Amino acid sequence: MPQFFLNKRLIILLVSLIFLVALIGFSLKERDDLTWPEQFVKDSTGFVQSIFYRPAHFVAGFFDNVGYLKDTYEENKLLRARLEEYALLETKVQKLENENEQFREVIGEMESLRDYEPMPATVIARNPDQWVEQITINKGKQNGVEKDMAVVTSGGLIGKIKHANAFTSTVQLLSSLDPKNRISAYIQGEEEIFGLIEGYDEEKAALLLKRIPHQANVQEGEVVLSSGLGGVFPEGLMIGEITEVVADEYGLTQMAYVKPAADFYNISQVMIIERTLMTGNEPEPEEETSEEGDSE
């Protein structure tokens, strides 16, 4: 008798396994329609899930909304403070502009190193092998583009015209490792400190501002702008922000690492800057462009 029950259990186990395998094979088979048991199970499961999902979603959304309200409140406080600062700055700027107009009326119209005319252009080509070296834009000599004109984005200065063809131009980026790629710049502060943008540190993704006087007090976070003293670039074009200051290899001057204000890796639209103020004793245009490539 025990042997019979043992065999009966074995038979039931084998039948169950066969039935399970059959169900698995049936469920894996590609079908256009589900069977009514499957439909019933899915509909029942979906109904139960919807019953629990809505309250759970409501509670989770409530706490999310509370968090958003808290963040919005903090951001609102910060924006209010910034708006107050902006109002004060706007008042100062308006006052300075009025004073500037009065001075101009007294002494007559004066040209400035900051005077320039912008020309929009679009990037049409960029060689992956020279990604940090140069880009090609859709404006050339027919549009008034000339060698060594400054090129900027909404972020700041990115480079200068290296070659101007009839309808296109090549822009040499500030991140180019060309030793002749130099820009006259100054550090904005209580006292203007001058130097030259020479080179790019790929590891730190920073421009190198060299030839800073060793006694100059340069601080991290100070802004670097074009000086306009090179003869071609206008003054005041945004270059970047100082992140680190070190002594040069000889200890006679200082060098600063400058985080670029513009994104050199994502460039689509640019502005070509033509300086309107020209020096009275400038050389012929052919000589000027060749010399500027070495001194700018």
Protein backbone atom coordinates (compact mmCIF):
# COMPACT_ATOMS: atom_id res chain seq x y z
CA MET A 1 0.00 0.00 0.00
CA PRO A 2 2.70 2.55 0.85
CA GLN A 3 4.38 1.67 -2.43
CA PHE A 4 1.13 2.45 -4.28
CA PHE A 5 0.83 5.89 -2.63
CA LEU A 6 4.46 6.60 -3.41
CA ASN A 7 3.90 5.73 -7.07
CA LYS A 8 0.71 7.82 -7.07
CA ARG A 9 2.56 10.85 -5.77
CA LEU A 10 5.27 10.34 -8.38
CA ILE A 11 2.66 10.12 -11.12
CA ILE A 12 0.96 13.32 -9.89
CA LEU A 13 4.34 15.09 -9.79
CA LEU A 14 5.17 14.01 -13.35
CA VAL A 15 1.75 15.05 -14.62
CA SER A 16 2.15 18.44 -12.91
CA LEU A 17 5.56 18.95 -14.46
CA ILE A 18 4.22 18.06 -17.91
CA PHE A 19 1.31 20.44 -17.43
CA LEU A 20 3.64 23.21 -16.26
CA VAL A 21 5.95 22.75 -19.25
CA ALA A 22 2.95 22.81 -21.55
CA LEU A 23 1.74 26.06 -19.99
CA ILE A 24 5.20 27.61 -20.35
CA GLY A 25 5.42 26.60 -23.98
CA PHE A 26 1.91 27.88 -24.62
CA SER A 27 2.67 31.23 -22.99
CA LEU A 28 5.88 31.65 -24.99
CA LYS A 29 4.11 31.06 -28.26
CA GLU A 30 3.45 34.22 -30.26
CA ARG A 31 -0.27 34.92 -30.37
CA ASP A 32 -2.39 37.74 -31.63
CA ASP A 33 -5.02 37.34 -28.90
CA LEU A 34 -4.87 36.33 -25.25
CA THR A 35 -6.96 33.51 -23.82
CA TRP A 36 -9.86 34.44 -21.55
CA PRO A 37 -8.01 33.31 -18.36
CA GLU A 38 -5.06 35.51 -19.28
CA GLN A 39 -7.36 38.39 -20.05
CA PHE A 40 -9.17 37.91 -16.76
CA VAL A 41 -5.91 37.82 -14.77
CA LYS A 42 -4.50 40.88 -16.53
CA ASP A 43 -7.70 42.88 -16.17
CA SER A 44 -8.03 41.93 -12.52
CA THR A 45 -4.40 42.81 -11.83
CA GLY A 46 -4.73 46.13 -13.65
CA PHE A 47 -7.90 46.99 -11.72
CA VAL A 48 -6.25 46.26 -8.36
CA GLN A 49 -3.13 48.20 -9.38
CA SER A 50 -5.22 51.20 -10.40
CA ILE A 51 -6.97 51.16 -7.02
CA PHE A 52 -3.66 51.34 -5.13
CA TYR A 53 -1.80 53.45 -7.71
CA ARG A 54 -3.99 56.52 -7.57
CA PRO A 55 -3.76 57.09 -3.78
CA ALA A 56 -0.05 56.26 -3.78
CA HIS A 57 0.55 58.60 -6.71
CA PHE A 58 -1.46 61.32 -4.99
CA VAL A 59 0.56 61.01 -1.76
CA ALA A 60 3.89 60.93 -3.64
CA GLY A 61 2.84 63.90 -5.74
CA PHE A 62 1.80 65.79 -2.61
CA PHE A 63 5.25 65.41 -1.03
CA ASP A 64 6.91 66.27 -4.35
CA ASN A 65 4.83 69.42 -4.59
CA VAL A 66 5.80 70.36 -1.04
CA GLY A 67 9.47 69.93 -1.98
CA TYR A 68 8.99 72.01 -5.13
CA LEU A 69 7.27 74.75 -3.15
CA LYS A 70 10.15 74.83 -0.69
CA ASP A 71 12.72 75.04 -3.50
CA THR A 72 10.64 77.71 -5.24
CA TYR A 73 10.49 79.73 -2.03
CA GLU A 74 14.28 79.62 -1.63
CA GLU A 75 14.83 80.50 -5.28
CA ASN A 76 12.35 83.35 -4.96
CA LYS A 77 14.28 84.78 -2.01
CA LEU A 78 17.53 84.55 -3.97
CA LEU A 79 15.98 86.16 -7.05
CA ARG A 80 14.54 88.99 -4.97
CA ALA A 81 18.01 89.71 -3.58
CA ARG A 82 19.49 89.59 -7.08
CA LEU A 83 16.77 91.90 -8.40
CA GLU A 84 17.59 94.42 -5.70
CA GLU A 85 21.27 94.24 -6.68
CA TYR A 86 20.30 94.56 -10.34
CA ALA A 87 18.20 97.65 -9.61
CA LEU A 88 21.16 99.27 -7.85
CA LEU A 89 23.51 98.40 -10.71
CA GLU A 90 21.01 99.68 -13.27
CA THR A 91 20.82 102.96 -11.38
CA LYS A 92 24.62 103.26 -11.33
CA VAL A 93 24.88 102.41 -15.03
CA GLN A 94 22.23 104.96 -15.93
CA LYS A 95 24.02 107.61 -13.88
CA LEU A 96 27.35 106.79 -15.54
CA GLU A 97 25.78 106.89 -18.99
CA ASN A 98 24.28 110.30 -18.28
CA GLU A 99 27.64 111.60 -17.04
CA ASN A 100 29.33 110.12 -20.12
CA GLU A 101 26.87 111.90 -22.42
CA GLN A 102 27.50 115.18 -20.61
CA PHE A 103 31.26 114.78 -21.00
CA ARG A 104 30.86 113.98 -24.70
CA GLU A 105 28.78 117.12 -25.17
CA VAL A 106 31.50 119.18 -23.50
CA ILE A 107 34.59 117.72 -25.21
CA GLY A 108 33.01 116.49 -28.43
CA GLU A 109 32.53 113.00 -29.86
CA MET A 110 35.39 110.65 -28.94
CA GLU A 111 36.17 107.23 -30.30
CA SER A 112 36.79 104.34 -27.94
CA LEU A 113 38.73 101.10 -28.02
CA ARG A 114 35.41 99.42 -27.19
CA ASP A 115 33.72 100.55 -30.42
CA TYR A 116 33.02 97.72 -32.85
CA GLU A 117 30.48 96.42 -35.36
CA PRO A 118 29.23 92.81 -35.06
CA MET A 119 28.52 90.50 -37.99
CA PRO A 120 26.57 87.22 -37.44
CA ALA A 121 27.86 83.97 -38.94
CA THR A 122 27.15 80.23 -38.79
CA VAL A 123 29.62 77.39 -38.25
CA ILE A 124 29.48 75.16 -41.33
CA ALA A 125 32.42 72.79 -40.76
CA ARG A 126 34.60 71.44 -37.97
CA ASN A 127 37.32 68.85 -38.40
CA PRO A 128 37.22 66.21 -35.62
CA ASP A 129 41.03 65.98 -35.77
CA GLN A 130 41.28 69.73 -35.09
CA TRP A 131 38.26 70.11 -32.82
CA VAL A 132 40.03 72.47 -30.38
CA GLU A 133 42.03 74.18 -33.11
CA GLN A 134 39.69 75.77 -35.65
CA ILE A 135 36.21 76.01 -37.17
CA THR A 136 34.87 77.16 -40.55
CA ILE A 137 32.14 79.80 -40.86
CA ASN A 138 29.93 80.92 -43.77
CA LYS A 139 31.20 84.50 -44.09
CA GLY A 140 34.23 85.65 -46.08
CA LYS A 141 35.86 88.58 -47.84
CA GLN A 142 32.69 89.26 -49.83
CA ASN A 143 31.02 90.04 -46.48
CA GLY A 144 33.86 92.26 -45.26
CA VAL A 145 35.65 89.63 -43.19
CA GLU A 146 39.39 90.15 -42.79
CA LYS A 147 42.22 88.27 -41.14
CA ASP A 148 42.62 88.64 -37.34
CA MET A 149 39.08 89.90 -36.71
CA ALA A 150 37.78 88.73 -33.32
CA VAL A 151 35.08 86.04 -33.19
CA VAL A 152 32.73 85.70 -30.21
CA THR A 153 29.69 83.73 -29.08
CA SER A 154 27.06 84.70 -26.55
CA GLY A 155 29.44 83.42 -23.87
CA GLY A 156 32.52 85.37 -24.89
CA LEU A 157 35.60 85.47 -27.12
CA ILE A 158 36.43 82.18 -28.88
CA GLY A 159 39.15 83.17 -31.34
CA LYS A 160 40.07 85.16 -34.42
CA ILE A 161 39.92 84.88 -38.20
CA LYS A 162 42.96 82.95 -39.41
CA HIS A 163 42.13 82.74 -43.12
CA ALA A 164 39.46 84.70 -45.01
CA ASN A 165 38.34 83.29 -48.34
CA ALA A 166 35.77 84.77 -50.72
CA PHE A 167 32.71 83.21 -49.07
CA THR A 168 34.03 81.31 -46.03
CA SER A 169 36.58 81.88 -43.28
CA THR A 170 38.64 79.77 -40.89
CA VAL A 171 38.51 80.72 -37.22
CA GLN A 172 41.48 79.87 -35.01
CA LEU A 173 40.17 79.12 -31.51
CA LEU A 174 41.81 80.41 -28.34
CA SER A 175 42.31 76.77 -27.37
CA SER A 176 44.63 76.28 -30.35
CA LEU A 177 48.14 75.20 -29.39
CA ASP A 178 49.71 77.44 -32.04
CA PRO A 179 52.51 79.42 -30.24
CA LYS A 180 51.61 82.50 -32.32
CA ASN A 181 48.04 82.42 -31.04
CA ARG A 182 48.28 85.31 -28.55
CA ILE A 183 45.69 87.82 -27.32
CA SER A 184 46.38 90.99 -25.35
CA ALA A 185 44.19 90.90 -22.23
CA TYR A 186 43.72 92.46 -18.82
CA ILE A 187 42.30 91.41 -15.46
CA GLN A 188 39.36 93.51 -14.38
CA GLY A 189 39.61 94.82 -10.83
CA GLU A 190 40.41 97.85 -8.72
CA GLU A 191 43.65 98.03 -10.69
CA GLU A 192 43.80 96.73 -14.25
CA ILE A 193 46.52 94.10 -14.66
CA PHE A 194 47.68 93.31 -18.18
CA GLY A 195 48.98 90.09 -19.68
CA LEU A 196 48.85 87.86 -22.76
CA ILE A 197 46.66 84.84 -23.44
CA GLU A 198 49.24 82.34 -24.68
CA GLY A 199 48.39 78.67 -24.90
CA TYR A 200 45.81 76.26 -23.54
CA ASP A 201 46.02 73.58 -20.85
CA GLU A 202 43.96 70.62 -22.14
CA GLU A 203 44.08 68.77 -18.81
CA LYS A 204 42.61 71.72 -16.88
CA ALA A 205 40.58 72.99 -19.86
CA ALA A 206 41.92 76.48 -19.15
CA LEU A 207 43.55 79.27 -21.11
CA LEU A 208 46.97 80.48 -19.96
CA LEU A 209 47.29 84.17 -19.09
CA LYS A 210 51.04 84.85 -18.98
CA ARG A 211 53.42 87.76 -18.35
CA ILE A 212 51.54 89.04 -15.31
CA PRO A 213 53.84 91.23 -13.17
CA HIS A 214 55.15 89.28 -10.18
CA GLN A 215 54.04 91.99 -7.72
CA ALA A 216 50.45 92.07 -9.05
CA ASN A 217 47.79 90.86 -6.63
CA VAL A 218 45.67 88.53 -8.75
CA GLN A 219 42.73 86.73 -7.14
CA GLU A 220 40.74 83.68 -8.19
CA GLY A 221 37.36 84.56 -9.66
CA GLU A 222 38.51 87.79 -11.28
CA VAL A 223 37.35 88.40 -14.85
CA VAL A 224 39.70 88.53 -17.86
CA LEU A 225 38.81 90.74 -20.84
CA SER A 226 40.49 91.71 -24.11
CA SER A 227 42.56 94.88 -23.66
CA GLY A 228 42.21 96.35 -27.16
CA LEU A 229 45.91 97.22 -27.13
CA GLY A 230 46.84 94.69 -29.80
CA GLY A 231 45.57 97.04 -32.49
CA VAL A 232 42.82 94.83 -33.98
CA PHE A 233 40.61 93.46 -31.20
CA PRO A 234 38.25 95.87 -29.44
CA GLU A 235 38.48 96.33 -25.69
CA GLY A 236 36.19 94.56 -23.25
CA LEU A 237 35.46 91.25 -24.99
CA MET A 238 34.81 88.61 -22.33
CA ILE A 239 37.51 85.91 -22.21
CA GLY A 240 36.99 84.07 -18.95
CA GLU A 241 37.50 83.82 -15.20
CA ILE A 242 40.70 83.13 -13.27
CA THR A 243 40.75 79.77 -11.47
CA GLU A 244 44.38 79.55 -10.33
CA VAL A 245 47.50 81.74 -10.15
CA VAL A 246 51.06 80.35 -10.15
CA ALA A 247 54.57 81.70 -10.64
CA ASP A 248 56.13 81.13 -14.05
CA GLU A 249 59.04 78.74 -14.50
CA TYR A 250 61.61 81.50 -13.92
CA GLY A 251 59.78 83.19 -11.04
CA LEU A 252 59.96 86.61 -12.70
CA THR A 253 56.27 86.88 -13.60
CA GLN A 254 53.01 85.14 -12.79
CA MET A 255 50.72 82.94 -14.85
CA ALA A 256 46.99 82.48 -14.37
CA TYR A 257 44.71 79.66 -15.48
CA VAL A 258 41.57 81.14 -17.04
CA LYS A 259 38.34 79.19 -17.40
CA PRO A 260 36.90 80.24 -20.79
CA ALA A 261 33.59 82.08 -20.68
CA ALA A 262 32.60 80.52 -24.01
CA ASP A 263 32.07 76.82 -24.71
CA PHE A 264 34.73 75.82 -27.25
CA TYR A 265 33.22 72.37 -27.79
CA ASN A 266 29.68 73.40 -28.72
CA ILE A 267 29.76 76.25 -31.25
CA SER A 268 27.07 76.80 -33.87
CA GLN A 269 26.41 80.56 -34.11
CA VAL A 270 29.12 83.23 -33.81
CA MET A 271 29.63 86.97 -34.21
CA ILE A 272 32.54 88.43 -36.14
CA ILE A 273 33.77 91.63 -34.49
CA GLU A 274 35.13 94.48 -36.61
CA ARG A 275 36.89 97.12 -34.57
CA THR A 276 35.92 100.62 -35.71
CA LEU A 277 38.68 102.61 -34.01
CA MET A 278 41.94 102.40 -35.94
CA THR A 279 45.27 103.85 -34.80
CA GLY A 280 46.54 106.94 -36.60
CA ASN A 281 49.99 105.57 -37.34
CA GLU A 282 49.01 102.05 -38.30
CA PRO A 283 50.96 100.34 -41.13
CA GLU A 284 49.51 99.20 -44.41
CA PRO A 285 46.76 96.55 -44.07
CA GLU A 286 49.00 93.77 -45.40
CA GLU A 287 51.68 94.53 -42.84
CA GLU A 288 49.19 95.03 -40.04
CA THR A 289 47.62 91.62 -40.36
CA SER A 290 50.96 89.82 -40.45
CA GLU A 291 52.25 91.67 -37.42
CA GLU A 292 49.00 91.27 -35.53
CA GLY A 293 49.14 87.52 -35.85
CA ASP A 294 52.35 87.63 -33.79
CA SER A 295 51.46 90.30 -31.28
CA GLU A 296 47.72 90.02 -30.74
